[in-house]
Amino acid sequence: MLAGGEIRPVLQAQDPSIGGKAALMRLTSNNQLILGAGSRADIVAGDRVVPLAGLEDDTTVAVDGPAASARFQRPSALAADAAGNLYVLDRPFDPADAARLTTHLVVRKITPEGQVSTMVDQSMGDPAGLAAAPSGSVYVAIRPTGRLLPQGPAIYRVNATGPLELVAGQPLAAPSLRDGAGIEARFAEPVVQNVAADGSVIVSDYDKEKQTAVWRKVSPAGLVTTLPDGKDAGKLAWDGRQYTVNLNNQIVRINADGSTTVVTNGGYGASAPGPLPGRLTPAGLPVPYGPYALAVIGGNTIYKVVLPH
């Protein structure tokens, strides 16, 4: 176990719109923490949550424009680029057409000034996950919806200008696992997770035959390879290592030789901030949070895990 660090509560992250924790968290290029809460996107500023765009209890319509008047429907994923732009995978909801939730791709952009615009809004299939490259290229997975002509599973690039671009996978092929280039590759249940330092898109997938999760890497040119044991699948912290959550609900560091070092003890009750390893129940993977620290949601609180340095 690591010793010498500590767990600090950063803020209460209650989401009044659903009565639960804010489960969507991303880190911007300038180390600001972004939360998705209901139909709103918030920035964590110090010990406060500052509304960035949208209104928390208004999920009926999508409205572009300045932050104060912009509205989201059901944001489900967040990503940020190097320029401080935030991208939102929005879930369109229409009481008269419930299928839109899983058949429509809507990606919205929030500039650092809070201006909201819609980058893409079209019938595609079921979108899963979102990630942004430093350049501003945004990636999303589209999965089958069970209809006669399902769209996906495949990985697409949402460019700042121009149409949606197929990167890898075959939109009309049956779900399966196959490495290869472009349309020769196959996905089963892909979810875009993040963009690696070399510009490759990291995708989680599922092997139905083995009933196990797998990690895939998609190069900028569309070459798909399977990562052994998930190595290099997550975002790397300042020390060049990956931090994740194991089956015991512990935050662990993946070392260069593939071994793991426990950072925090897992727990299924109240967390215990203080010196490491403490006790913490992480809801999702930890996010690099500036030098020598991670950020993670635990219960309805966001914690800063200060690592030894």
C-alpha atoms as a PDB file:
ATOM      1  CA  MET A   1       0.000   0.000   0.000  1.00  0.00           C
ATOM      2  CA  LEU A   2       1.015   3.605  -0.504  1.00  0.00           C
ATOM      3  CA  ALA A   3       1.637   5.583   2.659  1.00  0.00           C
ATOM      4  CA  GLY A   4       2.172   9.262   3.250  1.00  0.00           C
ATOM      5  CA  GLY A   5      -0.803  10.577   1.303  1.00  0.00           C
ATOM      6  CA  GLU A   6      -4.346  11.296   2.397  1.00  0.00           C
ATOM      7  CA  ILE A   7      -7.993  11.439   1.308  1.00  0.00           C
ATOM      8  CA  ARG A   8      -9.668  14.829   1.458  1.00  0.00           C
ATOM      9  CA  PRO A   9     -13.345  15.596   0.782  1.00  0.00           C
ATOM     10  CA  VAL A  10     -13.554  18.285  -1.898  1.00  0.00           C
ATOM     11  CA  LEU A  11     -17.287  18.981  -2.009  1.00  0.00           C
ATOM     12  CA  GLN A  12     -20.691  17.445  -1.619  1.00  0.00           C
ATOM     13  CA  ALA A  13     -21.847  16.450  -5.092  1.00  0.00           C
ATOM     14  CA  GLN A  14     -25.556  15.929  -4.572  1.00  0.00           C
ATOM     15  CA  ASP A  15     -27.675  16.114  -7.727  1.00  0.00           C
ATOM     16  CA  PRO A  16     -31.078  17.533  -6.699  1.00  0.00           C
ATOM     17  CA  SER A  17     -32.676  16.551 -10.010  1.00  0.00           C
ATOM     18  CA  ILE A  18     -32.339  12.835  -9.276  1.00  0.00           C
ATOM     19  CA  GLY A  19     -31.641  12.830  -5.550  1.00  0.00           C
ATOM     20  CA  GLY A  20     -28.311  11.086  -6.034  1.00  0.00           C
ATOM     21  CA  LYS A  21     -24.665  11.637  -6.764  1.00  0.00           C
ATOM     22  CA  ALA A  22     -23.329  13.505  -9.771  1.00  0.00           C
ATOM     23  CA  ALA A  23     -21.859  10.561 -11.645  1.00  0.00           C
ATOM     24  CA  LEU A  24     -20.250  12.272 -14.636  1.00  0.00           C
ATOM     25  CA  MET A  25     -16.828  13.766 -14.015  1.00  0.00           C
ATOM     26  CA  ARG A  26     -14.080  15.015 -16.311  1.00  0.00           C
ATOM     27  CA  LEU A  27     -10.930  17.097 -15.910  1.00  0.00           C
ATOM     28  CA  THR A  28     -10.248  20.019 -18.258  1.00  0.00           C
ATOM     29  CA  SER A  29      -6.811  21.022 -19.552  1.00  0.00           C
ATOM     30  CA  ASN A  30      -6.468  23.659 -16.818  1.00  0.00           C
ATOM     31  CA  ASN A  31      -7.343  21.160 -14.053  1.00  0.00           C
ATOM     32  CA  GLN A  32     -10.928  22.284 -13.536  1.00  0.00           C
ATOM     33  CA  LEU A  33     -13.296  19.521 -12.523  1.00  0.00           C
ATOM     34  CA  ILE A  34     -16.527  19.206 -14.552  1.00  0.00           C
ATOM     35  CA  LEU A  35     -19.657  17.539 -13.172  1.00  0.00           C
ATOM     36  CA  GLY A  36     -22.746  16.441 -15.081  1.00  0.00           C
ATOM     37  CA  ALA A  37     -25.835  16.979 -12.923  1.00  0.00           C
ATOM     38  CA  GLY A  38     -29.317  16.463 -14.313  1.00  0.00           C
ATOM     39  CA  SER A  39     -29.621  18.647 -17.388  1.00  0.00           C
ATOM     40  CA  ARG A  40     -26.818  20.959 -16.341  1.00  0.00           C
ATOM     41  CA  ALA A  41     -23.038  20.979 -16.606  1.00  0.00           C
ATOM     42  CA  ASP A  42     -21.162  22.413 -13.621  1.00  0.00           C
ATOM     43  CA  ILE A  43     -17.576  23.471 -12.950  1.00  0.00           C
ATOM     44  CA  VAL A  44     -16.039  22.730  -9.563  1.00  0.00           C
ATOM     45  CA  ALA A  45     -14.426  25.962  -8.359  1.00  0.00           C
ATOM     46  CA  GLY A  46     -12.646  25.551  -5.032  1.00  0.00           C
ATOM     47  CA  ASP A  47     -15.189  24.223  -2.562  1.00  0.00           C
ATOM     48  CA  ARG A  48     -18.188  25.357  -4.602  1.00  0.00           C
ATOM     49  CA  VAL A  49     -20.095  24.076  -7.636  1.00  0.00           C
ATOM     50  CA  VAL A  50     -20.559  26.839 -10.197  1.00  0.00           C
ATOM     51  CA  PRO A  51     -23.220  26.389 -12.935  1.00  0.00           C
ATOM     52  CA  LEU A  52     -21.579  26.373 -16.350  1.00  0.00           C
ATOM     53  CA  ALA A  53     -24.542  25.917 -18.671  1.00  0.00           C
ATOM     54  CA  GLY A  54     -28.095  24.606 -18.534  1.00  0.00           C
ATOM     55  CA  LEU A  55     -30.840  24.466 -15.944  1.00  0.00           C
ATOM     56  CA  GLU A  56     -30.976  21.534 -13.571  1.00  0.00           C
ATOM     57  CA  ASP A  57     -34.695  20.760 -13.615  1.00  0.00           C
ATOM     58  CA  ASP A  58     -35.427  21.569 -17.263  1.00  0.00           C
ATOM     59  CA  THR A  59     -35.067  18.470 -19.477  1.00  0.00           C
ATOM     60  CA  THR A  60     -37.791  19.033 -22.050  1.00  0.00           C
ATOM     61  CA  VAL A  61     -35.992  20.939 -24.812  1.00  0.00           C
ATOM     62  CA  ALA A  62     -32.449  21.509 -26.059  1.00  0.00           C
ATOM     63  CA  VAL A  63     -31.472  25.155 -26.530  1.00  0.00           C
ATOM     64  CA  ASP A  64     -28.180  26.508 -27.891  1.00  0.00           C
ATOM     65  CA  GLY A  65     -26.847  29.922 -26.944  1.00  0.00           C
ATOM     66  CA  PRO A  66     -25.210  31.684 -23.995  1.00  0.00           C
ATOM     67  CA  ALA A  67     -24.781  29.665 -20.813  1.00  0.00           C
ATOM     68  CA  ALA A  68     -27.614  31.376 -18.940  1.00  0.00           C
ATOM     69  CA  SER A  69     -30.197  30.499 -21.591  1.00  0.00           C
ATOM     70  CA  ALA A  70     -28.777  27.192 -22.889  1.00  0.00           C
ATOM     71  CA  ARG A  71     -30.590  23.966 -21.998  1.00  0.00           C
ATOM     72  CA  PHE A  72     -29.695  20.276 -22.073  1.00  0.00           C
ATOM     73  CA  GLN A  73     -32.045  17.322 -22.114  1.00  0.00           C
ATOM     74  CA  ARG A  74     -30.270  14.328 -20.596  1.00  0.00           C
ATOM     75  CA  PRO A  75     -26.467  14.643 -20.736  1.00  0.00           C
ATOM     76  CA  SER A  76     -24.823  11.252 -20.361  1.00  0.00           C
ATOM     77  CA  ALA A  77     -21.101  11.776 -21.015  1.00  0.00           C
ATOM     78  CA  LEU A  78     -18.541  14.571 -20.922  1.00  0.00           C
ATOM     79  CA  ALA A  79     -15.162  15.226 -22.540  1.00  0.00           C
ATOM     80  CA  ALA A  80     -12.783  18.192 -22.695  1.00  0.00           C
ATOM     81  CA  ASP A  81     -10.070  19.261 -25.145  1.00  0.00           C
ATOM     82  CA  ALA A  82      -6.821  21.157 -24.619  1.00  0.00           C
ATOM     83  CA  ALA A  83      -8.443  24.514 -25.367  1.00  0.00           C
ATOM     84  CA  GLY A  84     -10.913  24.201 -22.506  1.00  0.00           C
ATOM     85  CA  ASN A  85     -13.945  23.326 -24.626  1.00  0.00           C
ATOM     86  CA  LEU A  86     -16.386  20.889 -23.057  1.00  0.00           C
ATOM     87  CA  TYR A  87     -18.312  18.336 -25.117  1.00  0.00           C
ATOM     88  CA  VAL A  88     -21.567  16.791 -23.967  1.00  0.00           C
ATOM     89  CA  LEU A  89     -23.262  13.638 -25.204  1.00  0.00           C
ATOM     90  CA  ASP A  90     -26.887  14.693 -24.797  1.00  0.00           C
ATOM     91  CA  ARG A  91     -29.789  12.233 -24.722  1.00  0.00           C
ATOM     92  CA  PRO A  92     -32.762  13.684 -26.637  1.00  0.00           C
ATOM     93  CA  PHE A  93     -36.073  12.944 -24.965  1.00  0.00           C
ATOM     94  CA  ASP A  94     -39.453  13.197 -26.646  1.00  0.00           C
ATOM     95  CA  PRO A  95     -42.497  11.776 -24.800  1.00  0.00           C
ATOM     96  CA  ALA A  96     -44.065  11.054 -28.184  1.00  0.00           C
ATOM     97  CA  ASP A  97     -40.964   9.203 -29.451  1.00  0.00           C
ATOM     98  CA  ALA A  98     -39.199   7.375 -26.626  1.00  0.00           C
ATOM     99  CA  ALA A  99     -36.911   5.588 -29.130  1.00  0.00           C
ATOM    100  CA  ARG A 100     -34.993   8.840 -29.683  1.00  0.00           C
ATOM    101  CA  LEU A 101     -33.135   8.156 -26.433  1.00  0.00           C
ATOM    102  CA  THR A 102     -31.282   5.244 -28.033  1.00  0.00           C
ATOM    103  CA  THR A 103     -31.414   6.032 -31.750  1.00  0.00           C
ATOM    104  CA  HIS A 104     -30.202   9.628 -31.920  1.00  0.00           C
ATOM    105  CA  LEU A 105     -26.681  11.020 -31.632  1.00  0.00           C
ATOM    106  CA  VAL A 106     -26.536  14.524 -30.192  1.00  0.00           C
ATOM    107  CA  VAL A 107     -23.180  16.112 -29.333  1.00  0.00           C
ATOM    108  CA  ARG A 108     -23.156  19.611 -27.848  1.00  0.00           C
ATOM    109  CA  LYS A 109     -20.177  21.918 -27.331  1.00  0.00           C
ATOM    110  CA  ILE A 110     -19.621  24.415 -24.511  1.00  0.00           C
ATOM    111  CA  THR A 111     -16.856  26.963 -25.067  1.00  0.00           C
ATOM    112  CA  PRO A 112     -14.783  28.317 -22.166  1.00  0.00           C
ATOM    113  CA  GLU A 113     -17.022  31.391 -22.304  1.00  0.00           C
ATOM    114  CA  GLY A 114     -20.136  29.246 -21.858  1.00  0.00           C
ATOM    115  CA  GLN A 115     -21.482  29.433 -25.410  1.00  0.00           C
ATOM    116  CA  VAL A 116     -23.406  26.239 -26.234  1.00  0.00           C
ATOM    117  CA  SER A 117     -23.807  24.875 -29.768  1.00  0.00           C
ATOM    118  CA  THR A 118     -24.909  21.578 -31.311  1.00  0.00           C
ATOM    119  CA  MET A 119     -22.190  19.846 -33.330  1.00  0.00           C
ATOM    120  CA  VAL A 120     -24.263  16.905 -34.548  1.00  0.00           C
ATOM    121  CA  ASP A 121     -27.904  15.854 -34.204  1.00  0.00           C
ATOM    122  CA  GLN A 122     -28.893  12.886 -36.346  1.00  0.00           C
ATOM    123  CA  SER A 123     -30.355   9.393 -36.257  1.00  0.00           C
ATOM    124  CA  MET A 124     -27.417   6.991 -35.811  1.00  0.00           C
ATOM    125  CA  GLY A 125     -28.117   4.294 -33.245  1.00  0.00           C
ATOM    126  CA  ASP A 126     -27.280   4.101 -29.547  1.00  0.00           C
ATOM    127  CA  PRO A 127     -24.309   6.366 -28.646  1.00  0.00           C
ATOM    128  CA  ALA A 128     -21.965   5.146 -25.899  1.00  0.00           C
ATOM    129  CA  GLY A 129     -19.143   7.124 -24.327  1.00  0.00           C
ATOM    130  CA  LEU A 130     -17.385  10.289 -25.437  1.00  0.00           C
ATOM    131  CA  ALA A 131     -13.753  11.412 -25.600  1.00  0.00           C
ATOM    132  CA  ALA A 132     -11.926  14.401 -27.043  1.00  0.00           C
ATOM    133  CA  ALA A 133      -8.430  14.726 -28.460  1.00  0.00           C
ATOM    134  CA  PRO A 134      -6.387  17.823 -27.532  1.00  0.00           C
ATOM    135  CA  SER A 135      -7.039  19.106 -31.064  1.00  0.00           C
ATOM    136  CA  GLY A 136     -10.803  19.135 -30.504  1.00  0.00           C
ATOM    137  CA  SER A 137     -11.706  16.025 -32.497  1.00  0.00           C
ATOM    138  CA  VAL A 138     -14.437  14.191 -30.600  1.00  0.00           C
ATOM    139  CA  TYR A 139     -15.009  10.418 -30.675  1.00  0.00           C
ATOM    140  CA  VAL A 140     -18.130   8.415 -29.914  1.00  0.00           C
ATOM    141  CA  ALA A 141     -19.212   4.775 -30.225  1.00  0.00           C
ATOM    142  CA  ILE A 142     -22.495   3.888 -31.931  1.00  0.00           C
ATOM    143  CA  ARG A 143     -24.075   0.562 -31.019  1.00  0.00           C
ATOM    144  CA  PRO A 144     -26.984  -1.464 -32.471  1.00  0.00           C
ATOM    145  CA  THR A 145     -30.501  -0.649 -31.354  1.00  0.00           C
ATOM    146  CA  GLY A 146     -32.121  -3.982 -32.201  1.00  0.00           C
ATOM    147  CA  ARG A 147     -33.904  -2.663 -35.279  1.00  0.00           C
ATOM    148  CA  LEU A 148     -33.871  -4.373 -38.652  1.00  0.00           C
ATOM    149  CA  LEU A 149     -31.036  -2.198 -39.919  1.00  0.00           C
ATOM    150  CA  PRO A 150     -28.998  -1.303 -36.821  1.00  0.00           C
ATOM    151  CA  GLN A 151     -26.344   1.369 -37.023  1.00  0.00           C
ATOM    152  CA  GLY A 152     -23.143   0.138 -35.451  1.00  0.00           C
ATOM    153  CA  PRO A 153     -21.236  -0.982 -33.656  1.00  0.00           C
ATOM    154  CA  ALA A 154     -18.565   1.412 -34.876  1.00  0.00           C
ATOM    155  CA  ILE A 155     -16.405   4.334 -33.780  1.00  0.00           C
ATOM    156  CA  TYR A 156     -17.007   7.779 -35.268  1.00  0.00           C
ATOM    157  CA  ARG A 157     -15.148  11.085 -35.264  1.00  0.00           C
ATOM    158  CA  VAL A 158     -17.176  14.272 -34.764  1.00  0.00           C
ATOM    159  CA  ASN A 159     -15.172  17.014 -36.453  1.00  0.00           C
ATOM    160  CA  ALA A 160     -15.456  20.722 -35.704  1.00  0.00           C
ATOM    161  CA  THR A 161     -16.628  21.246 -39.268  1.00  0.00           C
ATOM    162  CA  GLY A 162     -17.911  18.766 -41.786  1.00  0.00           C
ATOM    163  CA  PRO A 163     -19.885  15.532 -41.542  1.00  0.00           C
ATOM    164  CA  LEU A 164     -19.548  12.663 -39.073  1.00  0.00           C
ATOM    165  CA  GLU A 165     -16.589  10.450 -40.018  1.00  0.00           C
ATOM    166  CA  LEU A 166     -16.430   6.660 -39.654  1.00  0.00           C
ATOM    167  CA  VAL A 167     -13.099   5.718 -38.024  1.00  0.00           C
ATOM    168  CA  ALA A 168     -13.377   1.973 -37.440  1.00  0.00           C
ATOM    169  CA  GLY A 169     -15.971  -0.789 -37.485  1.00  0.00           C
ATOM    170  CA  GLN A 170     -18.703  -1.790 -39.900  1.00  0.00           C
ATOM    171  CA  PRO A 171     -22.019   0.011 -39.313  1.00  0.00           C
ATOM    172  CA  LEU A 172     -24.181  -2.806 -40.707  1.00  0.00           C
ATOM    173  CA  ALA A 173     -22.164  -5.822 -39.551  1.00  0.00           C
ATOM    174  CA  ALA A 174     -23.198  -8.145 -36.749  1.00  0.00           C
ATOM    175  CA  PRO A 175     -21.497  -7.407 -33.398  1.00  0.00           C
ATOM    176  CA  SER A 176     -18.246  -9.342 -32.911  1.00  0.00           C
ATOM    177  CA  LEU A 177     -14.609  -8.831 -31.922  1.00  0.00           C
ATOM    178  CA  ARG A 178     -12.014  -8.481 -34.662  1.00  0.00           C
ATOM    179  CA  ASP A 179      -8.882  -6.365 -34.858  1.00  0.00           C
ATOM    180  CA  GLY A 180      -8.036  -4.709 -38.146  1.00  0.00           C
ATOM    181  CA  ALA A 181      -8.021  -1.460 -40.071  1.00  0.00           C
ATOM    182  CA  GLY A 182     -11.079   0.709 -40.611  1.00  0.00           C
ATOM    183  CA  ILE A 183     -14.163  -1.167 -41.787  1.00  0.00           C
ATOM    184  CA  GLU A 184     -12.350  -4.509 -41.414  1.00  0.00           C
ATOM    185  CA  ALA A 185     -12.471  -4.159 -37.623  1.00  0.00           C
ATOM    186  CA  ARG A 186     -15.453  -5.316 -35.573  1.00  0.00           C
ATOM    187  CA  PHE A 187     -16.834  -4.294 -32.192  1.00  0.00           C
ATOM    188  CA  ALA A 188     -19.342  -5.983 -29.905  1.00  0.00           C
ATOM    189  CA  GLU A 189     -20.450  -3.508 -27.219  1.00  0.00           C
ATOM    190  CA  PRO A 190     -18.007  -0.589 -27.539  1.00  0.00           C
ATOM    191  CA  VAL A 191     -17.897   2.381 -25.184  1.00  0.00           C
ATOM    192  CA  VAL A 192     -15.450   5.216 -25.922  1.00  0.00           C
ATOM    193  CA  GLN A 193     -13.443   5.956 -22.774  1.00  0.00           C
ATOM    194  CA  ASN A 194     -10.625   8.404 -23.503  1.00  0.00           C
ATOM    195  CA  VAL A 195      -7.910   9.521 -25.926  1.00  0.00           C
ATOM    196  CA  ALA A 196      -4.350   8.350 -25.200  1.00  0.00           C
ATOM    197  CA  ALA A 197      -1.263  10.530 -25.425  1.00  0.00           C
ATOM    198  CA  ASP A 198      -0.520   9.293 -28.961  1.00  0.00           C
ATOM    199  CA  GLY A 199      -3.987  10.299 -30.178  1.00  0.00           C
ATOM    200  CA  SER A 200      -5.410   6.773 -30.135  1.00  0.00           C
ATOM    201  CA  VAL A 201      -8.957   6.271 -28.879  1.00  0.00           C
ATOM    202  CA  ILE A 202      -9.334   3.848 -25.972  1.00  0.00           C
ATOM    203  CA  VAL A 203     -12.529   1.789 -26.148  1.00  0.00           C
ATOM    204  CA  SER A 204     -13.935  -0.700 -23.653  1.00  0.00           C
ATOM    205  CA  ASP A 205     -15.691  -3.680 -25.244  1.00  0.00           C
ATOM    206  CA  TYR A 206     -17.176  -7.027 -24.191  1.00  0.00           C
ATOM    207  CA  ASP A 207     -16.286 -10.570 -25.168  1.00  0.00           C
ATOM    208  CA  LYS A 208     -19.598 -12.448 -24.939  1.00  0.00           C
ATOM    209  CA  GLU A 209     -17.971 -15.830 -25.501  1.00  0.00           C
ATOM    210  CA  LYS A 210     -15.594 -15.406 -22.552  1.00  0.00           C
ATOM    211  CA  GLN A 211     -18.013 -13.150 -20.663  1.00  0.00           C
ATOM    212  CA  THR A 212     -15.289 -10.676 -19.892  1.00  0.00           C
ATOM    213  CA  ALA A 213     -14.488  -7.050 -20.576  1.00  0.00           C
ATOM    214  CA  VAL A 214     -11.771  -6.223 -23.104  1.00  0.00           C
ATOM    215  CA  TRP A 215      -9.982  -3.018 -24.029  1.00  0.00           C
ATOM    216  CA  ARG A 216      -9.428  -1.915 -27.610  1.00  0.00           C
ATOM    217  CA  LYS A 217      -7.160   0.774 -29.049  1.00  0.00           C
ATOM    218  CA  VAL A 218      -8.100   2.674 -32.207  1.00  0.00           C
ATOM    219  CA  SER A 219      -5.287   4.631 -33.860  1.00  0.00           C
ATOM    220  CA  PRO A 220      -6.017   8.019 -35.484  1.00  0.00           C
ATOM    221  CA  ALA A 221      -5.854   6.186 -38.852  1.00  0.00           C
ATOM    222  CA  GLY A 222      -8.452   3.630 -37.707  1.00  0.00           C
ATOM    223  CA  LEU A 223      -6.250   0.605 -36.898  1.00  0.00           C
ATOM    224  CA  VAL A 224      -7.888  -1.417 -34.099  1.00  0.00           C
ATOM    225  CA  THR A 225      -5.865  -3.586 -31.715  1.00  0.00           C
ATOM    226  CA  THR A 226      -6.803  -5.356 -28.496  1.00  0.00           C
ATOM    227  CA  LEU A 227      -4.857  -4.292 -25.420  1.00  0.00           C
ATOM    228  CA  PRO A 228      -3.466  -7.141 -23.279  1.00  0.00           C
ATOM    229  CA  ASP A 229      -5.025  -7.099 -19.809  1.00  0.00           C
ATOM    230  CA  GLY A 230      -6.248  -3.564 -20.257  1.00  0.00           C
ATOM    231  CA  LYS A 231      -2.724  -2.180 -20.065  1.00  0.00           C
ATOM    232  CA  ASP A 232      -2.571   1.528 -20.990  1.00  0.00           C
ATOM    233  CA  ALA A 233      -6.377   1.585 -21.198  1.00  0.00           C
ATOM    234  CA  GLY A 234      -6.971   4.423 -18.762  1.00  0.00           C
ATOM    235  CA  LYS A 235      -5.796   7.989 -18.504  1.00  0.00           C
ATOM    236  CA  LEU A 236      -2.246   8.272 -17.259  1.00  0.00           C
ATOM    237  CA  ALA A 237      -1.489  10.447 -14.251  1.00  0.00           C
ATOM    238  CA  TRP A 238       1.488  12.804 -13.959  1.00  0.00           C
ATOM    239  CA  ASP A 239       3.743   9.889 -12.971  1.00  0.00           C
ATOM    240  CA  GLY A 240       2.958   8.052 -16.212  1.00  0.00           C
ATOM    241  CA  ARG A 241       1.004   5.359 -14.385  1.00  0.00           C
ATOM    242  CA  GLN A 242      -2.606   4.311 -14.662  1.00  0.00           C
ATOM    243  CA  TYR A 243      -4.906   4.325 -11.640  1.00  0.00           C
ATOM    244  CA  THR A 244      -8.040   2.219 -11.604  1.00  0.00           C
ATOM    245  CA  VAL A 245     -10.520   0.437  -9.312  1.00  0.00           C
ATOM    246  CA  ASN A 246     -10.174  -3.316  -8.742  1.00  0.00           C
ATOM    247  CA  LEU A 247     -12.816  -5.928  -7.915  1.00  0.00           C
ATOM    248  CA  ASN A 248     -12.340  -5.236  -4.194  1.00  0.00           C
ATOM    249  CA  ASN A 249     -13.430  -1.630  -4.741  1.00  0.00           C
ATOM    250  CA  GLN A 250      -9.907  -0.390  -4.040  1.00  0.00           C
ATOM    251  CA  ILE A 251      -8.165   2.338  -5.999  1.00  0.00           C
ATOM    252  CA  VAL A 252      -4.925   0.805  -7.231  1.00  0.00           C
ATOM    253  CA  ARG A 253      -1.908   1.936  -9.225  1.00  0.00           C
ATOM    254  CA  ILE A 254      -0.848  -0.277 -12.134  1.00  0.00           C
ATOM    255  CA  ASN A 255       2.932  -0.564 -12.002  1.00  0.00           C
ATOM    256  CA  ALA A 256       5.308  -0.923 -14.946  1.00  0.00           C
ATOM    257  CA  ASP A 257       5.593  -4.695 -14.433  1.00  0.00           C
ATOM    258  CA  GLY A 258       1.806  -5.157 -14.400  1.00  0.00           C
ATOM    259  CA  SER A 259       1.540  -5.558 -10.647  1.00  0.00           C
ATOM    260  CA  THR A 260      -0.750  -3.301  -8.636  1.00  0.00           C
ATOM    261  CA  THR A 261      -0.262  -1.182  -5.532  1.00  0.00           C
ATOM    262  CA  VAL A 262      -3.245  -0.415  -3.314  1.00  0.00           C
ATOM    263  CA  VAL A 263      -3.901   3.315  -2.856  1.00  0.00           C
ATOM    264  CA  THR A 264      -7.166   3.291  -0.889  1.00  0.00           C
ATOM    265  CA  ASN A 265      -9.124   0.614   0.946  1.00  0.00           C
ATOM    266  CA  GLY A 266     -12.496  -0.232  -0.490  1.00  0.00           C
ATOM    267  CA  GLY A 267     -15.678   0.152   1.514  1.00  0.00           C
ATOM    268  CA  TYR A 268     -19.405  -0.322   1.332  1.00  0.00           C
ATOM    269  CA  GLY A 269     -20.476   2.234   3.880  1.00  0.00           C
ATOM    270  CA  ALA A 270     -19.346   5.628   5.056  1.00  0.00           C
ATOM    271  CA  SER A 271     -15.986   6.712   3.696  1.00  0.00           C
ATOM    272  CA  ALA A 272     -13.181   7.568   6.081  1.00  0.00           C
ATOM    273  CA  PRO A 273     -11.106  10.528   4.873  1.00  0.00           C
ATOM    274  CA  GLY A 274      -7.654  10.939   6.341  1.00  0.00           C
ATOM    275  CA  PRO A 275      -4.251   9.294   5.864  1.00  0.00           C
ATOM    276  CA  LEU A 276      -3.977   6.655   3.159  1.00  0.00           C
ATOM    277  CA  PRO A 277      -5.193   4.003   2.673  1.00  0.00           C
ATOM    278  CA  GLY A 278      -8.295   5.208   4.525  1.00  0.00           C
ATOM    279  CA  ARG A 279     -11.655   3.870   3.354  1.00  0.00           C
ATOM    280  CA  LEU A 280     -13.428   4.959   0.185  1.00  0.00           C
ATOM    281  CA  THR A 281     -16.237   3.628  -1.991  1.00  0.00           C
ATOM    282  CA  PRO A 282     -15.424   4.904  -5.496  1.00  0.00           C
ATOM    283  CA  ALA A 283     -18.265   5.369  -7.978  1.00  0.00           C
ATOM    284  CA  GLY A 284     -16.349   5.173 -11.248  1.00  0.00           C
ATOM    285  CA  LEU A 285     -12.688   5.416 -12.158  1.00  0.00           C
ATOM    286  CA  PRO A 286     -10.364   8.004 -10.601  1.00  0.00           C
ATOM    287  CA  VAL A 287      -9.372  11.033 -12.675  1.00  0.00           C
ATOM    288  CA  PRO A 288      -5.887  12.632 -12.621  1.00  0.00           C
ATOM    289  CA  TYR A 289      -6.381  15.856 -10.679  1.00  0.00           C
ATOM    290  CA  GLY A 290      -3.293  17.986 -11.125  1.00  0.00           C
ATOM    291  CA  PRO A 291       0.123  17.005  -9.738  1.00  0.00           C
ATOM    292  CA  TYR A 292       0.234  14.243  -7.124  1.00  0.00           C
ATOM    293  CA  ALA A 293      -3.529  13.802  -6.798  1.00  0.00           C
ATOM    294  CA  LEU A 294      -6.580  11.947  -8.074  1.00  0.00           C
ATOM    295  CA  ALA A 295     -10.254  12.953  -7.959  1.00  0.00           C
ATOM    296  CA  VAL A 296     -12.987  10.392  -7.418  1.00  0.00           C
ATOM    297  CA  ILE A 297     -16.668  10.330  -6.537  1.00  0.00           C
ATOM    298  CA  GLY A 298     -17.481   8.467  -3.337  1.00  0.00           C
ATOM    299  CA  GLY A 299     -21.116   8.354  -2.260  1.00  0.00           C
ATOM    300  CA  ASN A 300     -22.384  11.904  -2.787  1.00  0.00           C
ATOM    301  CA  THR A 301     -18.977  13.478  -2.240  1.00  0.00           C
ATOM    302  CA  ILE A 302     -16.053  14.195  -4.546  1.00  0.00           C
ATOM    303  CA  TYR A 303     -12.776  13.289  -2.900  1.00  0.00           C
ATOM    304  CA  LYS A 304      -9.267  14.432  -3.641  1.00  0.00           C
ATOM    305  CA  VAL A 305      -6.813  11.581  -3.079  1.00  0.00           C
ATOM    306  CA  VAL A 306      -3.425  13.168  -2.344  1.00  0.00           C
ATOM    307  CA  LEU A 307      -0.652  10.715  -3.251  1.00  0.00           C
ATOM    308  CA  PRO A 308       2.795  10.530  -1.656  1.00  0.00           C
ATOM    309  CA  HIS A 309       5.394  12.707  -3.359  1.00  0.00           C
END
